[in-house]
Amino acid sequence: MEDITQKKDIYYQNRDIRASNLVRESKVLTLARLAKMLVDLFGSDEPFKKIGKWAGQEIELYFKDIDSYITFILTSERENFDCYAKKAINPISKVTITVKEDKILQFFSDIVRTKNNFFGIIKLLKFIIPKKAIIKGSYIAAIKWVRTIMIGKHSIYKDNK
């Protein structure tokens, strides 16, 4: 009788693990789709033209709190912007996000709403200095990637007076 109970406990534990993995994967996939959709709808072609020799390189974004990855592929054309929710095969730069799970969307939103200019890049220091974002590998490639997702110059963010 105890063997049956033990097997049921293992079954429910496996089900709970699978459920938590599904929730984690759906959060990461939602962030990846959101990034792709925002760049498609509101992105500017200017930062993509400045990618240059970095085109085709992978940028790996790792969310430490939910233990998940998003890989962005640098491209010279906005129409070819793509990302997927897997670990990168050969990343040129790895960006580790250390914010708590409930703050990830706010963190991502702060980056996306920033203007793509010199002062916008300086504003990103508020994430790098307190180690909310840790960059390993090429800083230049990471900056070029982050500039592609910054849509703060779009007219939807201008004051309507």
N, C-alpha and C. Protein backbone atom coordinates (compact mmCIF):
# COMPACT_ATOMS: atom_id res chain seq x y z
N MET A 1 0.81 -1.20 0.00
CA MET A 1 0.00 0.00 0.00
C MET A 1 0.85 1.27 0.00
N GLU A 2 1.98 1.24 0.70
CA GLU A 2 2.84 2.40 0.76
C GLU A 2 3.49 2.68 -0.59
N ASP A 3 3.77 1.63 -1.37
CA ASP A 3 4.37 1.82 -2.67
C ASP A 3 3.46 2.63 -3.58
N ILE A 4 2.18 2.37 -3.54
CA ILE A 4 1.22 3.09 -4.37
C ILE A 4 1.18 4.56 -3.97
N THR A 5 1.16 4.81 -2.68
CA THR A 5 1.15 6.19 -2.19
C THR A 5 2.42 6.91 -2.62
N GLN A 6 3.53 6.24 -2.54
CA GLN A 6 4.79 6.85 -2.93
C GLN A 6 4.79 7.18 -4.42
N LYS A 7 4.26 6.31 -5.25
CA LYS A 7 4.20 6.58 -6.67
C LYS A 7 3.28 7.75 -6.97
N LYS A 8 2.21 7.87 -6.26
CA LYS A 8 1.31 9.00 -6.45
C LYS A 8 2.01 10.30 -6.07
N ASP A 9 2.77 10.28 -4.97
CA ASP A 9 3.49 11.48 -4.56
C ASP A 9 4.50 11.90 -5.62
N ILE A 10 5.21 10.96 -6.20
CA ILE A 10 6.16 11.26 -7.26
C ILE A 10 5.45 11.82 -8.48
N TYR A 11 4.30 11.25 -8.79
CA TYR A 11 3.53 11.74 -9.93
C TYR A 11 3.13 13.19 -9.72
N TYR A 12 2.63 13.53 -8.54
CA TYR A 12 2.22 14.90 -8.28
C TYR A 12 3.40 15.85 -8.23
N GLN A 13 4.55 15.38 -7.73
CA GLN A 13 5.74 16.23 -7.73
C GLN A 13 6.18 16.51 -9.16
N ASN A 14 6.20 15.49 -10.00
CA ASN A 14 6.56 15.69 -11.40
C ASN A 14 5.59 16.64 -12.08
N ARG A 15 4.32 16.51 -11.78
CA ARG A 15 3.32 17.40 -12.37
C ARG A 15 3.54 18.83 -11.93
N ASP A 16 3.86 19.04 -10.66
CA ASP A 16 4.13 20.38 -10.16
C ASP A 16 5.38 20.98 -10.82
N ILE A 17 6.39 20.16 -11.00
CA ILE A 17 7.62 20.63 -11.66
C ILE A 17 7.33 20.99 -13.10
N ARG A 18 6.58 20.16 -13.78
CA ARG A 18 6.23 20.46 -15.17
C ARG A 18 5.38 21.72 -15.27
N ALA A 19 4.47 21.91 -14.32
CA ALA A 19 3.63 23.11 -14.33
C ALA A 19 4.47 24.36 -14.10
N SER A 20 5.40 24.31 -13.15
CA SER A 20 6.24 25.49 -12.90
C SER A 20 7.15 25.77 -14.10
N ASN A 21 7.65 24.72 -14.76
CA ASN A 21 8.46 24.91 -15.96
C ASN A 21 7.64 25.55 -17.08
N LEU A 22 6.39 25.14 -17.21
CA LEU A 22 5.51 25.70 -18.23
C LEU A 22 5.25 27.19 -17.97
N VAL A 23 5.03 27.55 -16.72
CA VAL A 23 4.81 28.96 -16.36
C VAL A 23 6.05 29.78 -16.66
N ARG A 24 7.22 29.25 -16.29
CA ARG A 24 8.49 29.94 -16.54
C ARG A 24 8.73 30.14 -18.03
N GLU A 25 8.51 29.10 -18.81
CA GLU A 25 8.70 29.19 -20.26
C GLU A 25 7.73 30.18 -20.90
N SER A 26 6.50 30.19 -20.40
CA SER A 26 5.51 31.12 -20.99
C SER A 26 5.88 32.57 -20.68
N LYS A 27 6.45 32.85 -19.52
CA LYS A 27 6.88 34.21 -19.20
C LYS A 27 7.99 34.66 -20.14
N VAL A 28 8.94 33.79 -20.37
CA VAL A 28 10.07 34.13 -21.23
C VAL A 28 9.61 34.28 -22.68
N LEU A 29 8.75 33.38 -23.14
CA LEU A 29 8.24 33.48 -24.51
C LEU A 29 7.43 34.76 -24.70
N THR A 30 6.70 35.16 -23.67
CA THR A 30 5.93 36.41 -23.75
C THR A 30 6.86 37.60 -23.88
N LEU A 31 7.95 37.62 -23.11
CA LEU A 31 8.92 38.71 -23.23
C LEU A 31 9.56 38.73 -24.61
N ALA A 32 9.89 37.57 -25.14
CA ALA A 32 10.51 37.50 -26.47
C ALA A 32 9.53 38.01 -27.53
N ARG A 33 8.28 37.58 -27.45
CA ARG A 33 7.27 38.04 -28.43
C ARG A 33 7.02 39.53 -28.28
N LEU A 34 7.00 40.02 -27.05
CA LEU A 34 6.80 41.45 -26.81
C LEU A 34 7.92 42.27 -27.44
N ALA A 35 9.16 41.83 -27.26
CA ALA A 35 10.29 42.54 -27.86
C ALA A 35 10.17 42.56 -29.38
N LYS A 36 9.87 41.43 -29.96
CA LYS A 36 9.75 41.34 -31.41
C LYS A 36 8.61 42.21 -31.92
N MET A 37 7.48 42.18 -31.24
CA MET A 37 6.33 42.96 -31.67
C MET A 37 6.59 44.46 -31.55
N LEU A 38 7.21 44.90 -30.44
CA LEU A 38 7.48 46.32 -30.26
C LEU A 38 8.47 46.84 -31.31
N VAL A 39 9.48 46.05 -31.62
CA VAL A 39 10.44 46.47 -32.65
C VAL A 39 9.76 46.51 -34.01
N ASP A 40 8.91 45.53 -34.30
CA ASP A 40 8.20 45.51 -35.59
C ASP A 40 7.28 46.71 -35.73
N LEU A 41 6.56 47.05 -34.67
CA LEU A 41 5.57 48.12 -34.74
C LEU A 41 6.17 49.52 -34.61
N PHE A 42 7.05 49.70 -33.63
CA PHE A 42 7.50 51.04 -33.27
C PHE A 42 9.00 51.26 -33.45
N GLY A 43 9.73 50.25 -33.85
CA GLY A 43 11.18 50.36 -33.96
C GLY A 43 11.62 51.30 -35.08
N SER A 44 12.83 51.77 -34.95
CA SER A 44 13.42 52.66 -35.93
C SER A 44 14.46 51.87 -36.73
N ASP A 45 14.64 52.25 -37.99
CA ASP A 45 15.63 51.57 -38.83
C ASP A 45 17.05 52.04 -38.53
N GLU A 46 17.18 53.21 -37.91
CA GLU A 46 18.49 53.81 -37.66
C GLU A 46 19.44 52.91 -36.87
N PRO A 47 19.06 52.34 -35.72
CA PRO A 47 20.03 51.50 -34.99
C PRO A 47 20.40 50.22 -35.73
N PHE A 48 19.52 49.72 -36.57
CA PHE A 48 19.81 48.50 -37.32
C PHE A 48 20.87 48.76 -38.39
N LYS A 49 20.87 49.97 -38.94
CA LYS A 49 21.88 50.31 -39.95
C LYS A 49 23.27 50.41 -39.33
N LYS A 50 23.34 50.65 -38.02
CA LYS A 50 24.62 50.81 -37.34
C LYS A 50 25.18 49.49 -36.79
N ILE A 51 24.51 48.39 -37.04
CA ILE A 51 24.98 47.08 -36.56
C ILE A 51 26.31 46.72 -37.21
N GLY A 52 26.41 46.91 -38.52
CA GLY A 52 27.67 46.69 -39.24
C GLY A 52 28.19 45.28 -39.15
N LYS A 53 29.43 45.13 -38.71
CA LYS A 53 30.08 43.82 -38.70
C LYS A 53 29.50 42.86 -37.66
N TRP A 54 28.67 43.35 -36.76
CA TRP A 54 28.09 42.51 -35.72
C TRP A 54 26.88 41.72 -36.22
N ALA A 55 26.46 41.96 -37.44
CA ALA A 55 25.28 41.26 -37.98
C ALA A 55 25.49 39.75 -37.96
N GLY A 56 24.47 39.04 -37.53
CA GLY A 56 24.52 37.58 -37.45
C GLY A 56 25.01 37.06 -36.11
N GLN A 57 25.51 37.93 -35.25
CA GLN A 57 25.99 37.51 -33.94
C GLN A 57 24.81 37.34 -32.98
N GLU A 58 25.00 36.51 -31.97
CA GLU A 58 23.94 36.24 -30.99
C GLU A 58 24.23 36.97 -29.68
N ILE A 59 23.17 37.52 -29.11
CA ILE A 59 23.22 38.12 -27.79
C ILE A 59 22.33 37.27 -26.89
N GLU A 60 22.90 36.78 -25.80
CA GLU A 60 22.15 35.92 -24.89
C GLU A 60 21.70 36.72 -23.68
N LEU A 61 20.41 36.72 -23.43
CA LEU A 61 19.83 37.39 -22.28
C LEU A 61 19.40 36.30 -21.30
N TYR A 62 19.97 36.31 -20.10
CA TYR A 62 19.69 35.29 -19.10
C TYR A 62 18.99 35.93 -17.91
N PHE A 63 17.83 35.41 -17.57
CA PHE A 63 17.07 35.89 -16.41
C PHE A 63 17.38 34.97 -15.25
N LYS A 64 18.16 35.46 -14.31
CA LYS A 64 18.66 34.62 -13.23
C LYS A 64 17.54 34.12 -12.32
N ASP A 65 16.57 34.96 -12.01
CA ASP A 65 15.53 34.59 -11.06
C ASP A 65 14.60 33.50 -11.59
N ILE A 66 14.37 33.48 -12.90
CA ILE A 66 13.50 32.44 -13.47
C ILE A 66 14.30 31.41 -14.26
N ASP A 67 15.61 31.53 -14.27
CA ASP A 67 16.51 30.57 -14.91
C ASP A 67 16.09 30.27 -16.34
N SER A 68 16.01 31.34 -17.16
CA SER A 68 15.60 31.19 -18.55
C SER A 68 16.42 32.11 -19.44
N TYR A 69 16.43 31.77 -20.72
CA TYR A 69 17.23 32.50 -21.70
C TYR A 69 16.38 33.02 -22.84
N ILE A 70 16.78 34.17 -23.39
CA ILE A 70 16.27 34.67 -24.66
C ILE A 70 17.51 35.00 -25.49
N THR A 71 17.53 34.55 -26.72
CA THR A 71 18.64 34.84 -27.61
C THR A 71 18.17 35.76 -28.72
N PHE A 72 18.88 36.87 -28.88
CA PHE A 72 18.61 37.83 -29.94
C PHE A 72 19.70 37.72 -30.99
N ILE A 73 19.32 37.79 -32.24
CA ILE A 73 20.28 37.74 -33.33
C ILE A 73 20.38 39.14 -33.93
N LEU A 74 21.58 39.70 -33.93
CA LEU A 74 21.78 41.04 -34.48
C LEU A 74 21.62 41.00 -35.99
N THR A 75 20.93 41.99 -36.52
CA THR A 75 20.69 42.06 -37.95
C THR A 75 20.76 43.51 -38.41
N SER A 76 21.04 43.71 -39.68
CA SER A 76 21.15 45.05 -40.25
C SER A 76 19.80 45.59 -40.73
N GLU A 77 18.77 44.77 -40.74
CA GLU A 77 17.45 45.20 -41.20
C GLU A 77 16.41 44.90 -40.13
N ARG A 78 15.57 45.87 -39.88
CA ARG A 78 14.55 45.73 -38.85
C ARG A 78 13.58 44.60 -39.16
N GLU A 79 13.30 44.36 -40.42
CA GLU A 79 12.36 43.31 -40.81
C GLU A 79 12.88 41.92 -40.44
N ASN A 80 14.19 41.78 -40.31
CA ASN A 80 14.79 40.48 -39.99
C ASN A 80 15.06 40.31 -38.50
N PHE A 81 14.64 41.25 -37.67
CA PHE A 81 14.85 41.17 -36.23
C PHE A 81 14.15 39.92 -35.70
N ASP A 82 14.89 39.11 -34.95
CA ASP A 82 14.30 37.88 -34.44
C ASP A 82 14.93 37.53 -33.10
N CYS A 83 14.18 36.80 -32.31
CA CYS A 83 14.66 36.29 -31.04
C CYS A 83 13.95 34.98 -30.75
N TYR A 84 14.56 34.18 -29.91
CA TYR A 84 13.95 32.93 -29.52
C TYR A 84 14.30 32.62 -28.08
N ALA A 85 13.48 31.81 -27.44
CA ALA A 85 13.63 31.52 -26.01
C ALA A 85 14.44 30.26 -25.81
N LYS A 86 15.72 30.33 -26.12
CA LYS A 86 16.66 29.23 -25.92
C LYS A 86 18.01 29.82 -25.55
N LYS A 87 18.86 28.96 -25.05
CA LYS A 87 20.23 29.37 -24.77
C LYS A 87 20.97 29.52 -26.10
N ALA A 88 21.80 30.55 -26.20
CA ALA A 88 22.53 30.83 -27.44
C ALA A 88 23.59 29.76 -27.68
N ILE A 89 23.84 29.48 -28.94
CA ILE A 89 24.85 28.49 -29.31
C ILE A 89 26.25 29.08 -29.19
N ASN A 90 26.44 30.26 -29.77
CA ASN A 90 27.75 30.91 -29.75
C ASN A 90 27.56 32.41 -29.55
N PRO A 91 27.24 32.85 -28.33
CA PRO A 91 26.96 34.28 -28.13
C PRO A 91 28.22 35.13 -28.13
N ILE A 92 28.09 36.31 -28.69
CA ILE A 92 29.18 37.29 -28.66
C ILE A 92 29.16 38.05 -27.33
N SER A 93 27.97 38.11 -26.73
CA SER A 93 27.79 38.80 -25.47
C SER A 93 26.69 38.13 -24.66
N LYS A 94 26.89 38.03 -23.35
CA LYS A 94 25.90 37.46 -22.45
C LYS A 94 25.48 38.53 -21.46
N VAL A 95 24.18 38.78 -21.39
CA VAL A 95 23.65 39.78 -20.46
C VAL A 95 22.83 39.02 -19.42
N THR A 96 23.23 39.11 -18.16
CA THR A 96 22.52 38.44 -17.08
C THR A 96 21.67 39.48 -16.35
N ILE A 97 20.38 39.20 -16.26
CA ILE A 97 19.44 40.09 -15.57
C ILE A 97 19.20 39.50 -14.19
N THR A 98 19.52 40.27 -13.14
CA THR A 98 19.43 39.75 -11.77
C THR A 98 18.25 40.31 -10.98
N VAL A 99 17.34 41.00 -11.62
CA VAL A 99 16.19 41.55 -10.89
C VAL A 99 15.23 40.43 -10.52
N LYS A 100 14.38 40.67 -9.54
CA LYS A 100 13.40 39.68 -9.09
C LYS A 100 12.37 39.43 -10.19
N GLU A 101 11.72 38.30 -10.09
CA GLU A 101 10.78 37.85 -11.12
C GLU A 101 9.65 38.84 -11.35
N ASP A 102 9.13 39.44 -10.30
CA ASP A 102 8.02 40.37 -10.45
C ASP A 102 8.45 41.73 -10.99
N LYS A 103 9.75 42.00 -11.06
CA LYS A 103 10.27 43.28 -11.57
C LYS A 103 10.83 43.16 -12.98
N ILE A 104 10.81 41.98 -13.57
CA ILE A 104 11.42 41.79 -14.89
C ILE A 104 10.70 42.61 -15.96
N LEU A 105 9.38 42.60 -15.94
CA LEU A 105 8.63 43.36 -16.94
C LEU A 105 8.89 44.86 -16.81
N GLN A 106 8.96 45.37 -15.58
CA GLN A 106 9.27 46.79 -15.37
C GLN A 106 10.68 47.11 -15.86
N PHE A 107 11.62 46.23 -15.59
CA PHE A 107 13.01 46.39 -16.05
C PHE A 107 13.04 46.47 -17.58
N PHE A 108 12.39 45.52 -18.22
CA PHE A 108 12.35 45.47 -19.68
C PHE A 108 11.65 46.71 -20.24
N SER A 109 10.58 47.13 -19.60
CA SER A 109 9.84 48.31 -20.04
C SER A 109 10.70 49.58 -19.94
N ASP A 110 11.48 49.69 -18.88
CA ASP A 110 12.37 50.86 -18.72
C ASP A 110 13.39 50.94 -19.86
N ILE A 111 13.90 49.80 -20.27
CA ILE A 111 14.88 49.79 -21.36
C ILE A 111 14.20 50.15 -22.68
N VAL A 112 13.05 49.56 -22.94
CA VAL A 112 12.35 49.78 -24.21
C VAL A 112 11.91 51.22 -24.35
N ARG A 113 11.45 51.85 -23.28
CA ARG A 113 10.94 53.22 -23.36
C ARG A 113 12.04 54.28 -23.38
N THR A 114 13.28 53.88 -23.25
CA THR A 114 14.40 54.82 -23.27
C THR A 114 14.68 55.25 -24.72
N LYS A 115 15.07 56.52 -24.88
CA LYS A 115 15.41 57.02 -26.21
C LYS A 115 16.73 56.45 -26.68
N ASN A 116 16.80 56.23 -27.97
CA ASN A 116 18.00 55.67 -28.58
C ASN A 116 18.97 56.80 -28.93
N ASN A 117 19.65 57.32 -27.92
CA ASN A 117 20.67 58.34 -28.13
C ASN A 117 21.73 58.19 -27.04
N PHE A 118 22.68 59.08 -27.04
CA PHE A 118 23.79 59.00 -26.09
C PHE A 118 23.30 59.03 -24.64
N PHE A 119 22.36 59.92 -24.35
CA PHE A 119 21.84 60.03 -22.98
C PHE A 119 21.05 58.79 -22.58
N GLY A 120 20.40 58.17 -23.55
CA GLY A 120 19.69 56.92 -23.28
C GLY A 120 20.65 55.81 -22.88
N ILE A 121 21.80 55.76 -23.54
CA ILE A 121 22.82 54.76 -23.19
C ILE A 121 23.36 55.04 -21.79
N ILE A 122 23.54 56.31 -21.46
CA ILE A 122 24.03 56.67 -20.12
C ILE A 122 22.98 56.29 -19.06
N LYS A 123 21.70 56.41 -19.38
CA LYS A 123 20.65 56.03 -18.44
C LYS A 123 20.71 54.54 -18.09
N LEU A 124 21.26 53.74 -19.00
CA LEU A 124 21.36 52.30 -18.74
C LEU A 124 22.36 51.99 -17.63
N LEU A 125 23.20 52.95 -17.29
CA LEU A 125 24.14 52.74 -16.19
C LEU A 125 23.42 52.50 -14.87
N LYS A 126 22.17 52.95 -14.75
CA LYS A 126 21.42 52.70 -13.52
C LYS A 126 21.09 51.22 -13.36
N PHE A 127 21.25 50.44 -14.41
CA PHE A 127 21.07 49.00 -14.31
C PHE A 127 22.40 48.28 -14.17
N ILE A 128 23.45 48.84 -14.77
CA ILE A 128 24.75 48.17 -14.79
C ILE A 128 25.52 48.39 -13.48
N ILE A 129 25.49 49.59 -12.95
CA ILE A 129 26.25 49.89 -11.73
C ILE A 129 25.74 49.09 -10.52
N PRO A 130 24.43 49.01 -10.26
CA PRO A 130 23.99 48.18 -9.11
C PRO A 130 23.89 46.68 -9.43
N LYS A 131 24.42 46.28 -10.59
CA LYS A 131 24.47 44.87 -11.00
C LYS A 131 23.09 44.25 -11.23
N LYS A 132 22.13 45.07 -11.69
CA LYS A 132 20.85 44.52 -12.12
C LYS A 132 21.01 43.86 -13.48
N ALA A 133 21.97 44.34 -14.25
CA ALA A 133 22.33 43.75 -15.54
C ALA A 133 23.84 43.60 -15.57
N ILE A 134 24.29 42.37 -15.83
CA ILE A 134 25.72 42.08 -15.88
C ILE A 134 26.05 41.64 -17.30
N ILE A 135 27.01 42.33 -17.91
CA ILE A 135 27.39 42.02 -19.29
C ILE A 135 28.72 41.28 -19.29
N LYS A 136 28.73 40.13 -19.94
CA LYS A 136 29.97 39.37 -20.13
C LYS A 136 30.16 39.22 -21.63
N GLY A 137 31.34 39.49 -22.07
CA GLY A 137 31.62 39.43 -23.50
C GLY A 137 31.73 40.84 -24.05
N SER A 138 31.28 41.03 -25.26
CA SER A 138 31.41 42.31 -25.95
C SER A 138 30.39 43.33 -25.46
N TYR A 139 30.89 44.40 -24.85
CA TYR A 139 30.01 45.50 -24.44
C TYR A 139 29.44 46.22 -25.65
N ILE A 140 30.24 46.36 -26.69
CA ILE A 140 29.80 47.07 -27.89
C ILE A 140 28.63 46.35 -28.54
N ALA A 141 28.72 45.02 -28.65
CA ALA A 141 27.62 44.25 -29.23
C ALA A 141 26.36 44.36 -28.37
N ALA A 142 26.53 44.35 -27.04
CA ALA A 142 25.38 44.47 -26.15
C ALA A 142 24.73 45.85 -26.29
N ILE A 143 25.53 46.89 -26.44
CA ILE A 143 24.98 48.24 -26.63
C ILE A 143 24.28 48.35 -27.97
N LYS A 144 24.85 47.77 -29.00
CA LYS A 144 24.20 47.80 -30.31
C LYS A 144 22.87 47.06 -30.27
N TRP A 145 22.82 45.94 -29.53
CA TRP A 145 21.56 45.21 -29.40
C TRP A 145 20.53 46.03 -28.63
N VAL A 146 20.93 46.59 -27.51
CA VAL A 146 19.96 47.31 -26.68
C VAL A 146 19.43 48.54 -27.42
N ARG A 147 20.25 49.13 -28.28
CA ARG A 147 19.78 50.27 -29.07
C ARG A 147 18.69 49.87 -30.06
N THR A 148 18.72 48.61 -30.50
CA THR A 148 17.68 48.16 -31.45
C THR A 148 16.32 48.02 -30.78
N ILE A 149 16.30 47.75 -29.48
CA ILE A 149 15.00 47.59 -28.81
C ILE A 149 14.53 48.87 -28.11
N MET A 150 15.34 49.92 -28.13
CA MET A 150 14.94 51.20 -27.53
C MET A 150 14.04 51.95 -28.51
N ILE A 151 12.79 52.15 -28.13
CA ILE A 151 11.85 52.81 -29.03
C ILE A 151 11.33 54.12 -28.45
N GLY A 152 12.04 54.70 -27.50
CA GLY A 152 11.60 55.92 -26.81
C GLY A 152 11.48 57.14 -27.69
N LYS A 153 12.09 57.14 -28.88
CA LYS A 153 11.99 58.29 -29.78
C LYS A 153 10.68 58.27 -30.60
N HIS A 154 9.96 57.18 -30.54
CA HIS A 154 8.73 57.06 -31.33
C HIS A 154 7.70 58.09 -30.87
N SER A 155 6.83 58.48 -31.76
CA SER A 155 5.83 59.53 -31.46
C SER A 155 4.84 59.12 -30.38
N ILE A 156 4.68 57.85 -30.08
CA ILE A 156 3.74 57.45 -29.02
C ILE A 156 4.22 57.89 -27.65
N TYR A 157 5.51 58.21 -27.51
CA TYR A 157 6.05 58.64 -26.23
C TYR A 157 6.17 60.15 -26.11
N LYS A 158 5.81 60.88 -27.13
CA LYS A 158 5.89 62.34 -27.07
C LYS A 158 4.66 62.89 -26.35
N ASP A 159 4.86 64.00 -25.67
CA ASP A 159 3.76 64.65 -24.96
C ASP A 159 2.80 65.27 -25.96
N ASN A 160 1.53 65.03 -25.77
CA ASN A 160 0.50 65.64 -26.61
C ASN A 160 -0.03 66.87 -25.89
N LYS A 161 0.53 68.03 -26.24
CA LYS A 161 0.11 69.28 -25.58
C LYS A 161 -0.74 70.10 -26.49
